[in-house]
Amino acid sequence: MFGQGTNLPTETQEYMGEVWSENGEYTGVDKVGFVSEGITAMAVQSKMDIDGAVVEDFKALDDAIEWAQG
């Protein structure tokens, strides 16, 4: 979850997408969710590429938890 004041530069988003995608591939996750009230979660989500995993962004933590448990 990213706080309201989180503003990630494009380079950071790309780095997170690359590294977290590698980690997701390595661990074999099925789902990855990002939460923020602004567009940060959507921006990071758009950089993710994990074969076989669903990657989503959410504006509310409760919605993300419900999705992850489903």
N, C-alpha and C. Protein backbone atom coordinates (compact mmCIF):
# COMPACT_ATOMS: atom_id res chain seq x y z
N MET A 1 0.85 -1.17 0.00
CA MET A 1 0.00 0.00 0.00
C MET A 1 0.89 1.23 0.00
N PHE A 2 0.58 2.15 -0.88
CA PHE A 2 1.31 3.41 -0.97
C PHE A 2 0.49 4.50 -0.29
N GLY A 3 1.12 5.32 0.54
CA GLY A 3 0.43 6.40 1.24
C GLY A 3 0.07 7.54 0.30
N GLN A 4 -0.73 8.46 0.81
CA GLN A 4 -1.21 9.59 0.01
C GLN A 4 -0.08 10.43 -0.57
N GLY A 5 0.98 10.58 0.19
CA GLY A 5 2.08 11.43 -0.26
C GLY A 5 3.10 10.74 -1.15
N THR A 6 2.85 9.48 -1.50
CA THR A 6 3.81 8.74 -2.31
C THR A 6 3.78 9.21 -3.75
N ASN A 7 4.93 9.62 -4.24
CA ASN A 7 5.07 10.03 -5.63
C ASN A 7 6.34 9.38 -6.16
N LEU A 8 6.15 8.37 -6.99
CA LEU A 8 7.30 7.61 -7.48
C LEU A 8 7.70 8.07 -8.87
N PRO A 9 8.96 8.47 -9.04
CA PRO A 9 9.44 8.84 -10.37
C PRO A 9 9.36 7.64 -11.32
N THR A 10 9.31 7.90 -12.59
CA THR A 10 9.20 6.84 -13.60
C THR A 10 10.31 5.81 -13.44
N GLU A 11 11.53 6.26 -13.17
CA GLU A 11 12.64 5.31 -13.02
C GLU A 11 12.40 4.35 -11.86
N THR A 12 11.83 4.86 -10.77
CA THR A 12 11.54 4.01 -9.62
C THR A 12 10.44 3.02 -9.95
N GLN A 13 9.41 3.48 -10.66
CA GLN A 13 8.33 2.58 -11.08
C GLN A 13 8.87 1.47 -11.96
N GLU A 14 9.75 1.82 -12.88
CA GLU A 14 10.33 0.81 -13.78
C GLU A 14 11.19 -0.18 -13.00
N TYR A 15 11.97 0.33 -12.06
CA TYR A 15 12.81 -0.55 -11.24
C TYR A 15 11.95 -1.50 -10.42
N MET A 16 10.91 -0.96 -9.76
CA MET A 16 10.02 -1.79 -8.97
C MET A 16 9.35 -2.85 -9.84
N GLY A 17 8.89 -2.44 -11.01
CA GLY A 17 8.26 -3.38 -11.92
C GLY A 17 9.19 -4.50 -12.32
N GLU A 18 10.43 -4.16 -12.61
CA GLU A 18 11.41 -5.16 -13.03
C GLU A 18 11.75 -6.13 -11.89
N VAL A 19 12.11 -5.57 -10.74
CA VAL A 19 12.54 -6.39 -9.61
C VAL A 19 11.38 -7.19 -9.04
N TRP A 20 10.23 -6.56 -8.88
CA TRP A 20 9.08 -7.28 -8.31
C TRP A 20 8.57 -8.33 -9.29
N SER A 21 8.69 -8.08 -10.57
CA SER A 21 8.30 -9.09 -11.56
C SER A 21 9.22 -10.31 -11.46
N GLU A 22 10.52 -10.05 -11.33
CA GLU A 22 11.47 -11.16 -11.17
C GLU A 22 11.16 -11.94 -9.90
N ASN A 23 10.88 -11.25 -8.80
CA ASN A 23 10.56 -11.92 -7.55
C ASN A 23 9.27 -12.72 -7.67
N GLY A 24 8.29 -12.16 -8.37
CA GLY A 24 7.02 -12.86 -8.56
C GLY A 24 7.19 -14.12 -9.38
N GLU A 25 8.02 -14.04 -10.42
CA GLU A 25 8.32 -15.22 -11.24
C GLU A 25 9.03 -16.28 -10.38
N TYR A 26 9.99 -15.84 -9.60
CA TYR A 26 10.78 -16.76 -8.77
C TYR A 26 9.92 -17.48 -7.74
N THR A 27 8.99 -16.74 -7.11
CA THR A 27 8.18 -17.33 -6.05
C THR A 27 6.93 -18.00 -6.57
N GLY A 28 6.55 -17.74 -7.82
CA GLY A 28 5.37 -18.38 -8.40
C GLY A 28 4.05 -17.84 -7.87
N VAL A 29 3.99 -16.57 -7.56
CA VAL A 29 2.75 -16.00 -7.03
C VAL A 29 1.64 -16.06 -8.08
N ASP A 30 0.39 -16.10 -7.58
CA ASP A 30 -0.78 -16.11 -8.45
C ASP A 30 -1.36 -14.71 -8.62
N LYS A 31 -1.20 -13.88 -7.58
CA LYS A 31 -1.79 -12.54 -7.58
C LYS A 31 -0.83 -11.54 -6.94
N VAL A 32 -0.84 -10.34 -7.49
CA VAL A 32 -0.09 -9.22 -6.92
C VAL A 32 -1.01 -8.01 -6.96
N GLY A 33 -1.18 -7.35 -5.83
CA GLY A 33 -2.04 -6.18 -5.78
C GLY A 33 -1.32 -4.98 -5.19
N PHE A 34 -1.62 -3.82 -5.73
CA PHE A 34 -1.05 -2.56 -5.24
C PHE A 34 -2.20 -1.64 -4.87
N VAL A 35 -2.03 -0.91 -3.77
CA VAL A 35 -3.09 -0.04 -3.26
C VAL A 35 -2.56 1.37 -3.09
N SER A 36 -3.32 2.35 -3.59
CA SER A 36 -3.04 3.76 -3.31
C SER A 36 -4.29 4.56 -3.61
N GLU A 37 -4.42 5.70 -2.94
CA GLU A 37 -5.57 6.56 -3.18
C GLU A 37 -5.42 7.33 -4.49
N GLY A 38 -4.20 7.52 -4.93
CA GLY A 38 -3.95 8.22 -6.19
C GLY A 38 -3.66 7.23 -7.30
N ILE A 39 -2.80 7.66 -8.22
CA ILE A 39 -2.50 6.81 -9.38
C ILE A 39 -1.24 5.97 -9.22
N THR A 40 -0.57 6.07 -8.07
CA THR A 40 0.69 5.36 -7.87
C THR A 40 0.54 3.85 -8.07
N ALA A 41 -0.49 3.25 -7.47
CA ALA A 41 -0.68 1.80 -7.61
C ALA A 41 -0.90 1.42 -9.06
N MET A 42 -1.67 2.21 -9.78
CA MET A 42 -1.92 1.92 -11.19
C MET A 42 -0.63 2.04 -11.99
N ALA A 43 0.19 3.03 -11.67
CA ALA A 43 1.44 3.23 -12.39
C ALA A 43 2.39 2.06 -12.17
N VAL A 44 2.52 1.59 -10.93
CA VAL A 44 3.40 0.47 -10.65
C VAL A 44 2.83 -0.81 -11.26
N GLN A 45 1.52 -1.01 -11.14
CA GLN A 45 0.87 -2.19 -11.71
C GLN A 45 1.14 -2.30 -13.19
N SER A 46 1.15 -1.18 -13.89
CA SER A 46 1.35 -1.19 -15.33
C SER A 46 2.75 -1.64 -15.73
N LYS A 47 3.69 -1.62 -14.79
CA LYS A 47 5.08 -2.02 -15.06
C LYS A 47 5.34 -3.49 -14.75
N MET A 48 4.37 -4.17 -14.16
CA MET A 48 4.56 -5.56 -13.74
C MET A 48 4.33 -6.52 -14.89
N ASP A 49 5.14 -7.57 -14.93
CA ASP A 49 5.00 -8.61 -15.94
C ASP A 49 5.41 -9.94 -15.32
N ILE A 50 4.41 -10.69 -14.82
CA ILE A 50 4.66 -11.97 -14.19
C ILE A 50 3.82 -13.01 -14.90
N ASP A 51 4.47 -13.93 -15.61
CA ASP A 51 3.73 -14.98 -16.31
C ASP A 51 2.87 -15.77 -15.34
N GLY A 52 1.60 -15.92 -15.68
CA GLY A 52 0.68 -16.72 -14.89
C GLY A 52 0.09 -16.03 -13.69
N ALA A 53 0.44 -14.77 -13.45
CA ALA A 53 -0.09 -14.04 -12.29
C ALA A 53 -1.00 -12.91 -12.75
N VAL A 54 -2.01 -12.65 -11.94
CA VAL A 54 -2.90 -11.52 -12.17
C VAL A 54 -2.39 -10.36 -11.34
N VAL A 55 -2.23 -9.20 -11.96
CA VAL A 55 -1.74 -8.02 -11.26
C VAL A 55 -2.81 -6.94 -11.34
N GLU A 56 -3.22 -6.42 -10.20
CA GLU A 56 -4.29 -5.43 -10.14
C GLU A 56 -3.88 -4.24 -9.28
N ASP A 57 -4.57 -3.13 -9.47
CA ASP A 57 -4.39 -1.98 -8.59
C ASP A 57 -5.74 -1.63 -7.96
N PHE A 58 -5.68 -1.07 -6.77
CA PHE A 58 -6.88 -0.76 -6.00
C PHE A 58 -6.74 0.60 -5.33
N LYS A 59 -7.87 1.21 -5.06
CA LYS A 59 -7.89 2.47 -4.32
C LYS A 59 -8.14 2.25 -2.84
N ALA A 60 -8.65 1.08 -2.46
CA ALA A 60 -8.95 0.78 -1.06
C ALA A 60 -8.34 -0.56 -0.65
N LEU A 61 -7.73 -0.58 0.52
CA LEU A 61 -7.08 -1.78 1.03
C LEU A 61 -8.09 -2.92 1.20
N ASP A 62 -9.27 -2.64 1.71
CA ASP A 62 -10.28 -3.68 1.90
C ASP A 62 -10.63 -4.37 0.58
N ASP A 63 -10.72 -3.60 -0.49
CA ASP A 63 -11.01 -4.18 -1.81
C ASP A 63 -9.87 -5.11 -2.25
N ALA A 64 -8.64 -4.69 -2.00
CA ALA A 64 -7.49 -5.51 -2.37
C ALA A 64 -7.45 -6.81 -1.57
N ILE A 65 -7.76 -6.73 -0.30
CA ILE A 65 -7.75 -7.92 0.54
C ILE A 65 -8.84 -8.89 0.10
N GLU A 66 -10.03 -8.36 -0.18
CA GLU A 66 -11.12 -9.21 -0.66
C GLU A 66 -10.74 -9.91 -1.97
N TRP A 67 -10.13 -9.16 -2.88
CA TRP A 67 -9.68 -9.72 -4.15
C TRP A 67 -8.62 -10.80 -3.94
N ALA A 68 -7.66 -10.52 -3.06
CA ALA A 68 -6.57 -11.47 -2.81
C ALA A 68 -7.07 -12.76 -2.18
N GLN A 69 -8.12 -12.68 -1.38
CA GLN A 69 -8.66 -13.86 -0.72
C GLN A 69 -9.60 -14.64 -1.62
N GLY A 70 -10.06 -14.02 -2.69
CA GLY A 70 -11.04 -14.67 -3.59
C GLY A 70 -10.47 -15.68 -4.50
